[in-house]
C-alpha atoms as a PDB file:
ATOM      1  CA  MET A   1      83.198 -78.769-121.015  1.00  0.00           C
ATOM      2  CA  LYS A   2      86.263 -77.993-118.753  1.00  0.00           C
ATOM      3  CA  HIS A   3      85.600 -81.106-116.649  1.00  0.00           C
ATOM      4  CA  ILE A   4      85.641 -83.605-119.823  1.00  0.00           C
ATOM      5  CA  ARG A   5      88.942 -81.333-120.943  1.00  0.00           C
ATOM      6  CA  LEU A   6      90.594 -82.315-117.509  1.00  0.00           C
ATOM      7  CA  LEU A   7      89.662 -85.805-117.520  1.00  0.00           C
ATOM      8  CA  SER A   8      91.154 -86.167-120.870  1.00  0.00           C
ATOM      9  CA  ILE A   9      94.342 -84.875-119.442  1.00  0.00           C
ATOM     10  CA  LEU A  10      94.323 -86.702-116.071  1.00  0.00           C
ATOM     11  CA  PHE A  11      92.609 -90.279-117.203  1.00  0.00           C
ATOM     12  CA  PRO A  12      95.844 -91.538-119.294  1.00  0.00           C
ATOM     13  CA  GLY A  13      98.271 -90.444-116.483  1.00  0.00           C
ATOM     14  CA  LEU A  14      95.921 -92.128-113.914  1.00  0.00           C
ATOM     15  CA  VAL A  15      96.046 -95.649-116.128  1.00  0.00           C
ATOM     16  CA  LEU A  16      99.603 -95.343-116.507  1.00  0.00           C
ATOM     17  CA  ALA A  17     100.394 -94.997-112.847  1.00  0.00           C
ATOM     18  CA  CYS A  18      97.837 -97.871-112.040  1.00  0.00           C
ATOM     19  CA  SER A  19      99.097-100.001-114.481  1.00  0.00           C
ATOM     20  CA  THR A  20     102.874 -99.638-113.397  1.00  0.00           C
ATOM     21  CA  GLN A  21     101.852 -99.967-109.985  1.00  0.00           C
ATOM     22  CA  ALA A  22      99.874-103.620-110.655  1.00  0.00           C
ATOM     23  CA  CYS A  23     103.274-104.805-112.266  1.00  0.00           C
ATOM     24  CA  GLY A  24     105.203-104.111-109.352  1.00  0.00           C
ATOM     25  CA  GLY A  25     108.671-102.179-109.175  1.00  0.00           C
ATOM     26  CA  ASP A  26     112.028-103.776-109.170  1.00  0.00           C
ATOM     27  CA  GLY A  27     113.220-106.289-106.694  1.00  0.00           C
ATOM     28  CA  PRO A  28     111.625-108.821-104.761  1.00  0.00           C
ATOM     29  CA  LYS A  29     108.109-108.636-102.964  1.00  0.00           C
ATOM     30  CA  PRO A  30     107.968-109.292 -99.328  1.00  0.00           C
ATOM     31  CA  ILE A  31     107.205-112.781 -98.190  1.00  0.00           C
ATOM     32  CA  ASN A  32     104.448-113.026 -95.485  1.00  0.00           C
ATOM     33  CA  PHE A  33     106.258-115.692 -93.402  1.00  0.00           C
ATOM     34  CA  GLY A  34     103.610-118.276 -91.540  1.00  0.00           C
ATOM     35  CA  GLN A  35     101.091-117.152 -94.146  1.00  0.00           C
ATOM     36  CA  ASP A  36     102.366-117.398 -97.919  1.00  0.00           C
ATOM     37  CA  GLN A  37     102.471-120.940 -99.451  1.00  0.00           C
ATOM     38  CA  CYS A  38     105.429-122.289-101.457  1.00  0.00           C
ATOM     39  CA  ALA A  39     104.334-122.333-105.163  1.00  0.00           C
ATOM     40  CA  HIS A  40     105.807-125.705-105.654  1.00  0.00           C
ATOM     41  CA  CYS A  41     105.149-127.789-102.640  1.00  0.00           C
ATOM     42  CA  ARG A  42     102.116-125.663-101.163  1.00  0.00           C
ATOM     43  CA  MET A  43     103.639-125.946 -97.758  1.00  0.00           C
ATOM     44  CA  THR A  44     103.370-122.608 -95.697  1.00  0.00           C
ATOM     45  CA  VAL A  45     106.492-120.754 -96.028  1.00  0.00           C
ATOM     46  CA  SER A  46     107.413-120.331 -92.351  1.00  0.00           C
ATOM     47  CA  ASP A  47     111.686-120.157 -91.989  1.00  0.00           C
ATOM     48  CA  ALA A  48     112.552-116.845 -93.009  1.00  0.00           C
ATOM     49  CA  ARG A  49     116.221-118.083 -93.251  1.00  0.00           C
ATOM     50  CA  PHE A  50     115.355-120.411 -96.072  1.00  0.00           C
ATOM     51  CA  GLY A  51     112.676-118.066 -97.943  1.00  0.00           C
ATOM     52  CA  SER A  52     113.155-117.512-101.858  1.00  0.00           C
ATOM     53  CA  GLN A  53     111.444-115.867-104.617  1.00  0.00           C
ATOM     54  CA  LEU A  54     111.084-115.831-108.272  1.00  0.00           C
ATOM     55  CA  VAL A  55     109.986-112.678-110.026  1.00  0.00           C
ATOM     56  CA  THR A  56     108.834-112.775-113.655  1.00  0.00           C
ATOM     57  CA  THR A  57     109.554-110.315-116.309  1.00  0.00           C
ATOM     58  CA  LYS A  58     105.674-109.330-116.060  1.00  0.00           C
ATOM     59  CA  GLY A  59     106.369-108.734-112.333  1.00  0.00           C
ATOM     60  CA  ARG A  60     104.615-111.809-110.823  1.00  0.00           C
ATOM     61  CA  ALA A  61     106.633-113.057-107.677  1.00  0.00           C
ATOM     62  CA  TYR A  62     106.468-116.717-106.752  1.00  0.00           C
ATOM     63  CA  VAL A  63     107.150-117.511-103.183  1.00  0.00           C
ATOM     64  CA  PHE A  64     109.558-120.742-102.339  1.00  0.00           C
ATOM     65  CA  ASP A  65     109.938-122.222 -98.554  1.00  0.00           C
ATOM     66  CA  ASP A  66     113.300-123.792 -99.964  1.00  0.00           C
ATOM     67  CA  VAL A  67     115.696-123.033-102.817  1.00  0.00           C
ATOM     68  CA  GLN A  68     115.059-126.674-103.985  1.00  0.00           C
ATOM     69  CA  CYS A  69     111.403-126.043-104.230  1.00  0.00           C
ATOM     70  CA  LEU A  70     112.483-122.961-106.543  1.00  0.00           C
ATOM     71  CA  ILE A  71     114.469-124.712-108.755  1.00  0.00           C
ATOM     72  CA  ALA A  72     112.097-127.919-108.993  1.00  0.00           C
ATOM     73  CA  PHE A  73     109.503-125.254-110.110  1.00  0.00           C
ATOM     74  CA  VAL A  74     111.416-124.012-112.958  1.00  0.00           C
ATOM     75  CA  LYS A  75     112.542-127.265-114.098  1.00  0.00           C
ATOM     76  CA  ALA A  76     109.136-128.546-114.197  1.00  0.00           C
ATOM     77  CA  GLY A  77     108.582-125.674-116.871  1.00  0.00           C
ATOM     78  CA  THR A  78     105.680-124.275-114.521  1.00  0.00           C
ATOM     79  CA  GLU A  79     107.216-120.843-115.642  1.00  0.00           C
ATOM     80  CA  ALA A  80     109.797-120.615-118.455  1.00  0.00           C
ATOM     81  CA  SER A  81     113.196-119.989-117.528  1.00  0.00           C
ATOM     82  CA  GLU A  82     113.101-117.041-120.040  1.00  0.00           C
ATOM     83  CA  ASP A  83     110.275-115.499-118.253  1.00  0.00           C
ATOM     84  CA  VAL A  84     112.245-115.000-114.977  1.00  0.00           C
ATOM     85  CA  ALA A  85     113.598-111.637-114.360  1.00  0.00           C
ATOM     86  CA  ALA A  86     115.377-112.331-111.350  1.00  0.00           C
ATOM     87  CA  TYR A  87     115.789-114.964-108.342  1.00  0.00           C
ATOM     88  CA  TYR A  88     115.908-113.835-104.850  1.00  0.00           C
ATOM     89  CA  LEU A  89     117.074-115.788-101.447  1.00  0.00           C
ATOM     90  CA  SER A  90     117.087-114.900 -97.809  1.00  0.00           C
ATOM     91  CA  ASP A  91     120.621-114.221 -96.448  1.00  0.00           C
ATOM     92  CA  TYR A  92     120.368-116.821 -94.053  1.00  0.00           C
ATOM     93  CA  VAL A  93     122.072-114.778 -91.066  1.00  0.00           C
ATOM     94  CA  ASN A  94     119.678-111.726 -91.690  1.00  0.00           C
ATOM     95  CA  GLU A  95     116.189-113.696 -91.934  1.00  0.00           C
ATOM     96  CA  ASN A  96     113.718-111.858 -94.264  1.00  0.00           C
ATOM     97  CA  LYS A  97     116.298-109.933 -96.290  1.00  0.00           C
ATOM     98  CA  LEU A  98     115.774-111.037 -99.723  1.00  0.00           C
ATOM     99  CA  GLN A  99     118.943-110.701-101.955  1.00  0.00           C
ATOM    100  CA  PRO A 100     119.753-111.475-105.792  1.00  0.00           C
ATOM    101  CA  VAL A 101     121.341-114.480-106.344  1.00  0.00           C
ATOM    102  CA  GLU A 102     124.185-112.956-108.071  1.00  0.00           C
ATOM    103  CA  LYS A 103     125.482-111.261-104.828  1.00  0.00           C
ATOM    104  CA  LEU A 104     124.912-114.513-102.594  1.00  0.00           C
ATOM    105  CA  LEU A 105     127.170-117.533-101.756  1.00  0.00           C
ATOM    106  CA  PHE A 106     125.946-120.730-100.949  1.00  0.00           C
ATOM    107  CA  LEU A 107     126.602-123.366 -98.093  1.00  0.00           C
ATOM    108  CA  ARG A 108     124.815-127.164 -98.264  1.00  0.00           C
ATOM    109  CA  SER A 109     125.001-128.930 -94.917  1.00  0.00           C
ATOM    110  CA  GLU A 110     122.685-131.534 -93.624  1.00  0.00           C
ATOM    111  CA  SER A 111     122.675-130.041 -90.282  1.00  0.00           C
ATOM    112  CA  LEU A 112     121.217-126.748 -91.747  1.00  0.00           C
ATOM    113  CA  LYS A 113     117.750-128.838 -92.062  1.00  0.00           C
ATOM    114  CA  SER A 114     115.902-126.436 -94.261  1.00  0.00           C
ATOM    115  CA  PRO A 115     112.019-127.122 -94.871  1.00  0.00           C
ATOM    116  CA  MET A 116     112.490-129.582 -97.802  1.00  0.00           C
ATOM    117  CA  ARG A 117     115.737-130.792 -96.748  1.00  0.00           C
ATOM    118  CA  GLY A 118     117.698-128.955 -99.463  1.00  0.00           C
ATOM    119  CA  ASP A 119     119.609-127.966 -96.697  1.00  0.00           C
ATOM    120  CA  ILE A 120     121.061-125.178 -98.477  1.00  0.00           C
ATOM    121  CA  ALA A 121     121.621-121.529 -97.153  1.00  0.00           C
ATOM    122  CA  ALA A 122     122.430-118.337 -99.058  1.00  0.00           C
ATOM    123  CA  PHE A 123     124.871-115.740 -97.559  1.00  0.00           C
ATOM    124  CA  ALA A 124     125.529-112.092 -98.395  1.00  0.00           C
ATOM    125  CA  SER A 125     129.181-112.378 -97.153  1.00  0.00           C
ATOM    126  CA  ARG A 126     131.840-114.803 -97.145  1.00  0.00           C
ATOM    127  CA  GLU A 127     132.732-113.922 -93.613  1.00  0.00           C
ATOM    128  CA  ASP A 128     128.909-115.025 -92.545  1.00  0.00           C
ATOM    129  CA  LEU A 129     129.206-118.142 -94.635  1.00  0.00           C
ATOM    130  CA  GLU A 130     132.448-119.149 -92.960  1.00  0.00           C
ATOM    131  CA  LYS A 131     131.038-118.392 -89.315  1.00  0.00           C
ATOM    132  CA  VAL A 132     127.900-120.933 -89.989  1.00  0.00           C
ATOM    133  CA  ARG A 133     130.280-123.308 -91.779  1.00  0.00           C
ATOM    134  CA  GLU A 134     132.523-123.587 -88.565  1.00  0.00           C
ATOM    135  CA  VAL A 135     129.282-124.719 -86.811  1.00  0.00           C
ATOM    136  CA  HIS A 136     127.558-126.725 -89.651  1.00  0.00           C
ATOM    137  CA  GLY A 137     130.557-127.606 -91.759  1.00  0.00           C
ATOM    138  CA  GLY A 138     129.292-128.489 -95.354  1.00  0.00           C
ATOM    139  CA  ASP A 139     130.464-127.498 -99.024  1.00  0.00           C
ATOM    140  CA  VAL A 140     130.402-123.990-100.406  1.00  0.00           C
ATOM    141  CA  LEU A 141     128.636-123.784-103.913  1.00  0.00           C
ATOM    142  CA  THR A 142     127.896-121.477-106.445  1.00  0.00           C
ATOM    143  CA  TRP A 143     124.311-120.726-108.148  1.00  0.00           C
ATOM    144  CA  GLU A 144     125.103-122.813-111.033  1.00  0.00           C
ATOM    145  CA  ASP A 145     125.853-125.862-108.848  1.00  0.00           C
ATOM    146  CA  LEU A 146     122.647-125.722-107.395  1.00  0.00           C
ATOM    147  CA  TRP A 147     121.071-126.510-110.840  1.00  0.00           C
ATOM    148  CA  LYS A 148     122.922-129.743-111.504  1.00  0.00           C
END
């Protein structure tokens, strides 16, 4: 009888813990560069400077090799825009460091040569953007500009 009572106390807590773990926490999920496939073009995500991610309100993470693939994926209706909880892009100078798009600045330059030739890099600081812009040239864009 004690075992049944103990199980009735522990089981709901265990179910709750497992269900919140399955949905994931806040923030981006790690991208396995060289292994994960782009959710849009199906190419292997290999260049950490251009990786991006969309996380849904249900916690599902989609990985992309280029921000242009992320945008095309959403525009195609594969995942409804209202179901997107957050967008994350790699900080170009801090490879593998995904940042929310609200904190990023964007540079488009043909000499950046991103995987799908969107040629857009994201930066967490204006200083880093300007250093790369001195070398590659290009135009500074907003997140909204990328969707036009």
